Amino acid sequence: MPKTLPIPGLIRRLAQARERRGLTQRAAARILECHHTWIGQIERGESVPTTAWLARFAGLYLVSLDWLVGGGELSMDYGTVSP
């Protein structure tokens, strides 16, 4: 049975943030120095990234780690969250 991400909405938020930055999975993988298929696995809920990797995704996508895991709403300038 595949692993699933324990935080509801995390998969959607990861993909949404990547797309808002105009990045493909391949482009994000090149920048993060990982394989694009791994990003796809995460976005499908088949792989679970560590907290350190979530922080790297947040930095690249210009969102807060809090937003990625479900706290607050993403504003139009990507990096700001509202309570």
PDB file of N, CA and C in Angstrom:
ATOM      1  N   MET A   1       0.853  -1.183   0.000  1.00  0.00           N
ATOM      2  CA  MET A   1       0.000   0.000   0.000  1.00  0.00           C
ATOM      3  C   MET A   1       0.892   1.237   0.000  1.00  0.00           C
ATOM      4  N   PRO A   2       0.587   2.242  -0.870  1.00  0.00           N
ATOM      5  CA  PRO A   2       1.421   3.439  -0.909  1.00  0.00           C
ATOM      6  C   PRO A   2       1.272   4.271   0.351  1.00  0.00           C
ATOM      7  N   LYS A   3       2.346   4.968   0.682  1.00  0.00           N
ATOM      8  CA  LYS A   3       2.292   5.894   1.807  1.00  0.00           C
ATOM      9  C   LYS A   3       1.426   7.076   1.401  1.00  0.00           C
ATOM     10  N   THR A   4       0.776   7.682   2.365  1.00  0.00           N
ATOM     11  CA  THR A   4       0.007   8.889   2.082  1.00  0.00           C
ATOM     12  C   THR A   4       0.489  10.002   2.993  1.00  0.00           C
ATOM     13  N   LEU A   5       0.374  11.216   2.516  1.00  0.00           N
ATOM     14  CA  LEU A   5       0.789  12.350   3.324  1.00  0.00           C
ATOM     15  C   LEU A   5      -0.182  12.526   4.473  1.00  0.00           C
ATOM     16  N   PRO A   6       0.332  12.708   5.682  1.00  0.00           N
ATOM     17  CA  PRO A   6      -0.516  12.768   6.864  1.00  0.00           C
ATOM     18  C   PRO A   6      -1.275  14.071   7.045  1.00  0.00           C
ATOM     19  N   ILE A   7      -0.936  15.099   6.292  1.00  0.00           N
ATOM     20  CA  ILE A   7      -1.555  16.403   6.492  1.00  0.00           C
ATOM     21  C   ILE A   7      -2.513  16.675   5.336  1.00  0.00           C
ATOM     22  N   PRO A   8      -3.818  16.770   5.629  1.00  0.00           N
ATOM     23  CA  PRO A   8      -4.789  17.023   4.568  1.00  0.00           C
ATOM     24  C   PRO A   8      -4.451  18.309   3.808  1.00  0.00           C
ATOM     25  N   GLY A   9      -4.540  18.256   2.503  1.00  0.00           N
ATOM     26  CA  GLY A   9      -4.309  19.436   1.686  1.00  0.00           C
ATOM     27  C   GLY A   9      -2.865  19.672   1.291  1.00  0.00           C
ATOM     28  N   LEU A  10      -1.923  18.965   1.909  1.00  0.00           N
ATOM     29  CA  LEU A  10      -0.514  19.209   1.612  1.00  0.00           C
ATOM     30  C   LEU A  10      -0.192  18.900   0.157  1.00  0.00           C
ATOM     31  N   ILE A  11      -0.709  17.812  -0.362  1.00  0.00           N
ATOM     32  CA  ILE A  11      -0.444  17.449  -1.755  1.00  0.00           C
ATOM     33  C   ILE A  11      -0.930  18.570  -2.676  1.00  0.00           C
ATOM     34  N   ARG A  12      -2.159  18.996  -2.470  1.00  0.00           N
ATOM     35  CA  ARG A  12      -2.741  20.054  -3.299  1.00  0.00           C
ATOM     36  C   ARG A  12      -1.947  21.340  -3.182  1.00  0.00           C
ATOM     37  N   ARG A  13      -1.549  21.684  -1.969  1.00  0.00           N
ATOM     38  CA  ARG A  13      -0.825  22.939  -1.758  1.00  0.00           C
ATOM     39  C   ARG A  13       0.566  22.901  -2.389  1.00  0.00           C
ATOM     40  N   LEU A  14       1.235  21.761  -2.327  1.00  0.00           N
ATOM     41  CA  LEU A  14       2.549  21.649  -2.966  1.00  0.00           C
ATOM     42  C   LEU A  14       2.439  21.879  -4.466  1.00  0.00           C
ATOM     43  N   ALA A  15       1.497  21.200  -5.094  1.00  0.00           N
ATOM     44  CA  ALA A  15       1.316  21.358  -6.539  1.00  0.00           C
ATOM     45  C   ALA A  15       0.873  22.775  -6.886  1.00  0.00           C
ATOM     46  N   GLN A  16      -0.056  23.327  -6.099  1.00  0.00           N
ATOM     47  CA  GLN A  16      -0.553  24.680  -6.349  1.00  0.00           C
ATOM     48  C   GLN A  16       0.576  25.704  -6.254  1.00  0.00           C
ATOM     49  N   ALA A  17       1.396  25.602  -5.232  1.00  0.00           N
ATOM     50  CA  ALA A  17       2.490  26.559  -5.052  1.00  0.00           C
ATOM     51  C   ALA A  17       3.501  26.447  -6.192  1.00  0.00           C
ATOM     52  N   ARG A  18       3.807  25.225  -6.596  1.00  0.00           N
ATOM     53  CA  ARG A  18       4.742  25.021  -7.706  1.00  0.00           C
ATOM     54  C   ARG A  18       4.193  25.647  -8.980  1.00  0.00           C
ATOM     55  N   GLU A  19       2.928  25.393  -9.260  1.00  0.00           N
ATOM     56  CA  GLU A  19       2.305  25.930 -10.470  1.00  0.00           C
ATOM     57  C   GLU A  19       2.221  27.457 -10.432  1.00  0.00           C
ATOM     58  N   ARG A  20       1.932  28.030  -9.266  1.00  0.00           N
ATOM     59  CA  ARG A  20       1.862  29.496  -9.138  1.00  0.00           C
ATOM     60  C   ARG A  20       3.211  30.140  -9.403  1.00  0.00           C
ATOM     61  N   ARG A  21       4.273  29.404  -9.135  1.00  0.00           N
ATOM     62  CA  ARG A  21       5.627  29.913  -9.423  1.00  0.00           C
ATOM     63  C   ARG A  21       6.007  29.681 -10.883  1.00  0.00           C
ATOM     64  N   GLY A  22       5.115  29.010 -11.622  1.00  0.00           N
ATOM     65  CA  GLY A  22       5.376  28.771 -13.041  1.00  0.00           C
ATOM     66  C   GLY A  22       6.411  27.690 -13.281  1.00  0.00           C
ATOM     67  N   LEU A  23       6.553  26.780 -12.329  1.00  0.00           N
ATOM     68  CA  LEU A  23       7.553  25.725 -12.433  1.00  0.00           C
ATOM     69  C   LEU A  23       6.916  24.391 -12.794  1.00  0.00           C
ATOM     70  N   THR A  24       7.579  23.671 -13.679  1.00  0.00           N
ATOM     71  CA  THR A  24       7.192  22.287 -13.914  1.00  0.00           C
ATOM     72  C   THR A  24       7.851  21.435 -12.841  1.00  0.00           C
ATOM     73  N   GLN A  25       7.440  20.190 -12.765  1.00  0.00           N
ATOM     74  CA  GLN A  25       8.109  19.286 -11.814  1.00  0.00           C
ATOM     75  C   GLN A  25       9.582  19.147 -12.173  1.00  0.00           C
ATOM     76  N   ARG A  26       9.897  19.086 -13.462  1.00  0.00           N
ATOM     77  CA  ARG A  26      11.297  18.975 -13.901  1.00  0.00           C
ATOM     78  C   ARG A  26      12.115  20.201 -13.482  1.00  0.00           C
ATOM     79  N   ALA A  27      11.544  21.390 -13.680  1.00  0.00           N
ATOM     80  CA  ALA A  27      12.269  22.618 -13.331  1.00  0.00           C
ATOM     81  C   ALA A  27      12.507  22.694 -11.822  1.00  0.00           C
ATOM     82  N   ALA A  28      11.477  22.371 -11.043  1.00  0.00           N
ATOM     83  CA  ALA A  28      11.634  22.380  -9.585  1.00  0.00           C
ATOM     84  C   ALA A  28      12.696  21.370  -9.165  1.00  0.00           C
ATOM     85  N   ALA A  29      12.685  20.200  -9.786  1.00  0.00           N
ATOM     86  CA  ALA A  29      13.656  19.157  -9.448  1.00  0.00           C
ATOM     87  C   ALA A  29      15.078  19.603  -9.769  1.00  0.00           C
ATOM     88  N   ARG A  30      15.268  20.273 -10.894  1.00  0.00           N
ATOM     89  CA  ARG A  30      16.609  20.764 -11.237  1.00  0.00           C
ATOM     90  C   ARG A  30      17.114  21.729 -10.176  1.00  0.00           C
ATOM     91  N   ILE A  31      16.261  22.647  -9.760  1.00  0.00           N
ATOM     92  CA  ILE A  31      16.661  23.653  -8.765  1.00  0.00           C
ATOM     93  C   ILE A  31      16.941  22.991  -7.409  1.00  0.00           C
ATOM     94  N   LEU A  32      16.090  22.052  -7.027  1.00  0.00           N
ATOM     95  CA  LEU A  32      16.214  21.395  -5.718  1.00  0.00           C
ATOM     96  C   LEU A  32      17.227  20.239  -5.718  1.00  0.00           C
ATOM     97  N   GLU A  33      17.721  19.904  -6.915  1.00  0.00           N
ATOM     98  CA  GLU A  33      18.683  18.813  -7.067  1.00  0.00           C
ATOM     99  C   GLU A  33      18.123  17.479  -6.579  1.00  0.00           C
ATOM    100  N   CYS A  34      16.938  17.165  -7.094  1.00  0.00           N
ATOM    101  CA  CYS A  34      16.314  15.873  -6.836  1.00  0.00           C
ATOM    102  C   CYS A  34      15.715  15.393  -8.151  1.00  0.00           C
ATOM    103  N   HIS A  35      15.108  14.244  -8.174  1.00  0.00           N
ATOM    104  CA  HIS A  35      14.543  13.720  -9.411  1.00  0.00           C
ATOM    105  C   HIS A  35      13.089  14.162  -9.561  1.00  0.00           C
ATOM    106  N   HIS A  36      12.725  14.519 -10.784  1.00  0.00           N
ATOM    107  CA  HIS A  36      11.368  15.017 -11.029  1.00  0.00           C
ATOM    108  C   HIS A  36      10.309  13.961 -10.723  1.00  0.00           C
ATOM    109  N   THR A  37      10.639  12.689 -10.864  1.00  0.00           N
ATOM    110  CA  THR A  37       9.641  11.659 -10.558  1.00  0.00           C
ATOM    111  C   THR A  37       9.325  11.631  -9.070  1.00  0.00           C
ATOM    112  N   TRP A  38      10.300  11.989  -8.237  1.00  0.00           N
ATOM    113  CA  TRP A  38      10.063  12.043  -6.792  1.00  0.00           C
ATOM    114  C   TRP A  38       9.070  13.156  -6.454  1.00  0.00           C
ATOM    115  N   ILE A  39       9.218  14.301  -7.120  1.00  0.00           N
ATOM    116  CA  ILE A  39       8.254  15.379  -6.897  1.00  0.00           C
ATOM    117  C   ILE A  39       6.861  14.915  -7.311  1.00  0.00           C
ATOM    118  N   GLY A  40       6.768  14.217  -8.438  1.00  0.00           N
ATOM    119  CA  GLY A  40       5.489  13.665  -8.866  1.00  0.00           C
ATOM    120  C   GLY A  40       4.915  12.693  -7.851  1.00  0.00           C
ATOM    121  N   GLN A  41       5.776  11.849  -7.284  1.00  0.00           N
ATOM    122  CA  GLN A  41       5.317  10.898  -6.267  1.00  0.00           C
ATOM    123  C   GLN A  41       4.781  11.629  -5.042  1.00  0.00           C
ATOM    124  N   ILE A  42       5.441  12.687  -4.645  1.00  0.00           N
ATOM    125  CA  ILE A  42       4.974  13.469  -3.493  1.00  0.00           C
ATOM    126  C   ILE A  42       3.615  14.094  -3.816  1.00  0.00           C
ATOM    127  N   GLU A  43       3.502  14.681  -4.997  1.00  0.00           N
ATOM    128  CA  GLU A  43       2.260  15.359  -5.370  1.00  0.00           C
ATOM    129  C   GLU A  43       1.099  14.388  -5.577  1.00  0.00           C
ATOM    130  N   ARG A  44       1.403  13.111  -5.770  1.00  0.00           N
ATOM    131  CA  ARG A  44       0.344  12.091  -5.863  1.00  0.00           C
ATOM    132  C   ARG A  44       0.112  11.397  -4.525  1.00  0.00           C
ATOM    133  N   GLY A  45       0.876  11.761  -3.509  1.00  0.00           N
ATOM    134  CA  GLY A  45       0.723  11.150  -2.199  1.00  0.00           C
ATOM    135  C   GLY A  45       1.383   9.789  -2.071  1.00  0.00           C
ATOM    136  N   GLU A  46       2.307   9.473  -2.963  1.00  0.00           N
ATOM    137  CA  GLU A  46       2.982   8.176  -2.949  1.00  0.00           C
ATOM    138  C   GLU A  46       4.293   8.196  -2.174  1.00  0.00           C
ATOM    139  N   SER A  47       4.782   9.388  -1.857  1.00  0.00           N
ATOM    140  CA  SER A  47       6.031   9.533  -1.107  1.00  0.00           C
ATOM    141  C   SER A  47       5.847  10.663  -0.104  1.00  0.00           C
ATOM    142  N   VAL A  48       6.510  10.544   1.020  1.00  0.00           N
ATOM    143  CA  VAL A  48       6.378  11.538   2.083  1.00  0.00           C
ATOM    144  C   VAL A  48       7.721  12.249   2.280  1.00  0.00           C
ATOM    145  N   PRO A  49       7.787  13.558   2.010  1.00  0.00           N
ATOM    146  CA  PRO A  49       9.040  14.289   2.212  1.00  0.00           C
ATOM    147  C   PRO A  49       9.275  14.575   3.692  1.00  0.00           C
ATOM    148  N   THR A  50      10.531  14.727   4.048  1.00  0.00           N
ATOM    149  CA  THR A  50      10.873  15.102   5.420  1.00  0.00           C
ATOM    150  C   THR A  50      10.530  16.573   5.632  1.00  0.00           C
ATOM    151  N   THR A  51      10.558  16.984   6.869  1.00  0.00           N
ATOM    152  CA  THR A  51      10.328  18.391   7.187  1.00  0.00           C
ATOM    153  C   THR A  51      11.378  19.271   6.518  1.00  0.00           C
ATOM    154  N   ALA A  52      12.605  18.801   6.463  1.00  0.00           N
ATOM    155  CA  ALA A  52      13.674  19.565   5.807  1.00  0.00           C
ATOM    156  C   ALA A  52      13.350  19.779   4.330  1.00  0.00           C
ATOM    157  N   TRP A  53      12.840  18.747   3.675  1.00  0.00           N
ATOM    158  CA  TRP A  53      12.465  18.892   2.268  1.00  0.00           C
ATOM    159  C   TRP A  53      11.261  19.804   2.118  1.00  0.00           C
ATOM    160  N   LEU A  54      10.300  19.729   3.010  1.00  0.00           N
ATOM    161  CA  LEU A  54       9.157  20.641   2.940  1.00  0.00           C
ATOM    162  C   LEU A  54       9.629  22.090   3.049  1.00  0.00           C
ATOM    163  N   ALA A  55      10.620  22.333   3.901  1.00  0.00           N
ATOM    164  CA  ALA A  55      11.169  23.677   4.038  1.00  0.00           C
ATOM    165  C   ALA A  55      11.843  24.119   2.738  1.00  0.00           C
ATOM    166  N   ARG A  56      12.520  23.197   2.066  1.00  0.00           N
ATOM    167  CA  ARG A  56      13.152  23.525   0.779  1.00  0.00           C
ATOM    168  C   ARG A  56      12.095  23.851  -0.278  1.00  0.00           C
ATOM    169  N   PHE A  57      11.022  23.054  -0.309  1.00  0.00           N
ATOM    170  CA  PHE A  57       9.928  23.343  -1.243  1.00  0.00           C
ATOM    171  C   PHE A  57       9.341  24.717  -0.950  1.00  0.00           C
ATOM    172  N   ALA A  58       9.085  25.004   0.320  1.00  0.00           N
ATOM    173  CA  ALA A  58       8.507  26.295   0.704  1.00  0.00           C
ATOM    174  C   ALA A  58       9.399  27.445   0.260  1.00  0.00           C
ATOM    175  N   GLY A  59      10.697  27.308   0.456  1.00  0.00           N
ATOM    176  CA  GLY A  59      11.626  28.353   0.041  1.00  0.00           C
ATOM    177  C   GLY A  59      11.610  28.578  -1.467  1.00  0.00           C
ATOM    178  N   LEU A  60      11.613  27.497  -2.228  1.00  0.00           N
ATOM    179  CA  LEU A  60      11.585  27.612  -3.682  1.00  0.00           C
ATOM    180  C   LEU A  60      10.271  28.198  -4.168  1.00  0.00           C
ATOM    181  N   TYR A  61       9.185  27.778  -3.569  1.00  0.00           N
ATOM    182  CA  TYR A  61       7.868  28.210  -4.022  1.00  0.00           C
ATOM    183  C   TYR A  61       7.430  29.542  -3.417  1.00  0.00           C
ATOM    184  N   LEU A  62       8.266  30.114  -2.553  1.00  0.00           N
ATOM    185  CA  LEU A  62       8.002  31.409  -1.911  1.00  0.00           C
ATOM    186  C   LEU A  62       6.718  31.402  -1.087  1.00  0.00           C
ATOM    187  N   VAL A  63       6.534  30.337  -0.342  1.00  0.00           N
ATOM    188  CA  VAL A  63       5.409  30.230   0.589  1.00  0.00           C
ATOM    189  C   VAL A  63       5.974  29.851   1.952  1.00  0.00           C
ATOM    190  N   SER A  64       5.183  30.039   2.987  1.00  0.00           N
ATOM    191  CA  SER A  64       5.648  29.643   4.308  1.00  0.00           C
ATOM    192  C   SER A  64       5.413  28.151   4.512  1.00  0.00           C
ATOM    193  N   LEU A  65       6.218  27.568   5.347  1.00  0.00           N
ATOM    194  CA  LEU A  65       6.024  26.169   5.714  1.00  0.00           C
ATOM    195  C   LEU A  65       4.665  26.004   6.379  1.00  0.00           C
ATOM    196  N   ASP A  66       4.261  27.000   7.150  1.00  0.00           N
ATOM    197  CA  ASP A  66       2.948  26.993   7.793  1.00  0.00           C
ATOM    198  C   ASP A  66       1.836  26.883   6.752  1.00  0.00           C
ATOM    199  N   TRP A  67       1.934  27.653   5.673  1.00  0.00           N
ATOM    200  CA  TRP A  67       0.913  27.590   4.632  1.00  0.00           C
ATOM    201  C   TRP A  67       0.886  26.203   3.985  1.00  0.00           C
ATOM    202  N   LEU A  68       2.073  25.653   3.711  1.00  0.00           N
ATOM    203  CA  LEU A  68       2.118  24.339   3.072  1.00  0.00           C
ATOM    204  C   LEU A  68       1.391  23.281   3.885  1.00  0.00           C
ATOM    205  N   VAL A  69       1.539  23.331   5.188  1.00  0.00           N
ATOM    206  CA  VAL A  69       0.924  22.289   6.018  1.00  0.00           C
ATOM    207  C   VAL A  69      -0.482  22.651   6.471  1.00  0.00           C
ATOM    208  N   GLY A  70      -1.029  23.747   5.937  1.00  0.00           N
ATOM    209  CA  GLY A  70      -2.434  24.014   6.146  1.00  0.00           C
ATOM    210  C   GLY A  70      -2.802  25.203   6.986  1.00  0.00           C
ATOM    211  N   GLY A  71      -1.849  26.034   7.375  1.00  0.00           N
ATOM    212  CA  GLY A  71      -2.182  27.195   8.190  1.00  0.00           C
ATOM    213  C   GLY A  71      -2.268  28.450   7.362  1.00  0.00           C
ATOM    214  N   GLY A  72      -3.386  29.134   7.422  1.00  0.00           N
ATOM    215  CA  GLY A  72      -3.523  30.410   6.729  1.00  0.00           C
ATOM    216  C   GLY A  72      -3.864  30.243   5.266  1.00  0.00           C
ATOM    217  N   GLU A  73      -4.052  31.381   4.611  1.00  0.00           N
ATOM    218  CA  GLU A  73      -4.370  31.398   3.194  1.00  0.00           C
ATOM    219  C   GLU A  73      -3.248  32.089   2.447  1.00  0.00           C
ATOM    220  N   LEU A  74      -3.022  31.632   1.237  1.00  0.00           N
ATOM    221  CA  LEU A  74      -1.984  32.221   0.408  1.00  0.00           C
ATOM    222  C   LEU A  74      -2.480  33.534  -0.173  1.00  0.00           C
ATOM    223  N   SER A  75      -1.694  34.590  -0.031  1.00  0.00           N
ATOM    224  CA  SER A  75      -2.082  35.869  -0.615  1.00  0.00           C
ATOM    225  C   SER A  75      -1.557  35.945  -2.038  1.00  0.00           C
ATOM    226  N   MET A  76      -1.866  37.022  -2.729  1.00  0.00           N
ATOM    227  CA  MET A  76      -1.458  37.182  -4.118  1.00  0.00           C
ATOM    228  C   MET A  76       0.048  37.328  -4.277  1.00  0.00           C
ATOM    229  N   ASP A  77       0.766  37.720  -3.236  1.00  0.00           N
ATOM    230  CA  ASP A  77       2.211  37.880  -3.402  1.00  0.00           C
ATOM    231  C   ASP A  77       2.962  36.628  -2.917  1.00  0.00           C
ATOM    232  N   TYR A  78       2.311  35.486  -2.943  1.00  0.00           N
ATOM    233  CA  TYR A  78       2.900  34.175  -2.681  1.00  0.00           C
ATOM    234  C   TYR A  78       3.375  33.990  -1.248  1.00  0.00           C
ATOM    235  N   GLY A  79       4.284  34.818  -0.758  1.00  0.00           N
ATOM    236  CA  GLY A  79       4.944  34.539   0.493  1.00  0.00           C
ATOM    237  C   GLY A  79       4.216  34.987   1.738  1.00  0.00           C
ATOM    238  N   THR A  80       3.126  35.703   1.598  1.00  0.00           N
ATOM    239  CA  THR A  80       2.412  36.217   2.746  1.00  0.00           C
ATOM    240  C   THR A  80       1.202  35.342   3.049  1.00  0.00           C
ATOM    241  N   VAL A  81       1.009  35.030   4.298  1.00  0.00           N
ATOM    242  CA  VAL A  81      -0.187  34.275   4.668  1.00  0.00           C
ATOM    243  C   VAL A  81      -1.049  35.154   5.561  1.00  0.00           C
ATOM    244  N   SER A  82      -2.339  34.956   5.475  1.00  0.00           N
ATOM    245  CA  SER A  82      -3.229  35.675   6.370  1.00  0.00           C
ATOM    246  C   SER A  82      -3.726  34.717   7.427  1.00  0.00           C
ATOM    247  N   PRO A  83      -3.942  35.181   8.650  1.00  0.00           N
ATOM    248  CA  PRO A  83      -4.359  34.279   9.729  1.00  0.00           C
ATOM    249  C   PRO A  83      -5.745  33.701   9.528  1.00  0.00           C
TER     250      PRO A  83
END
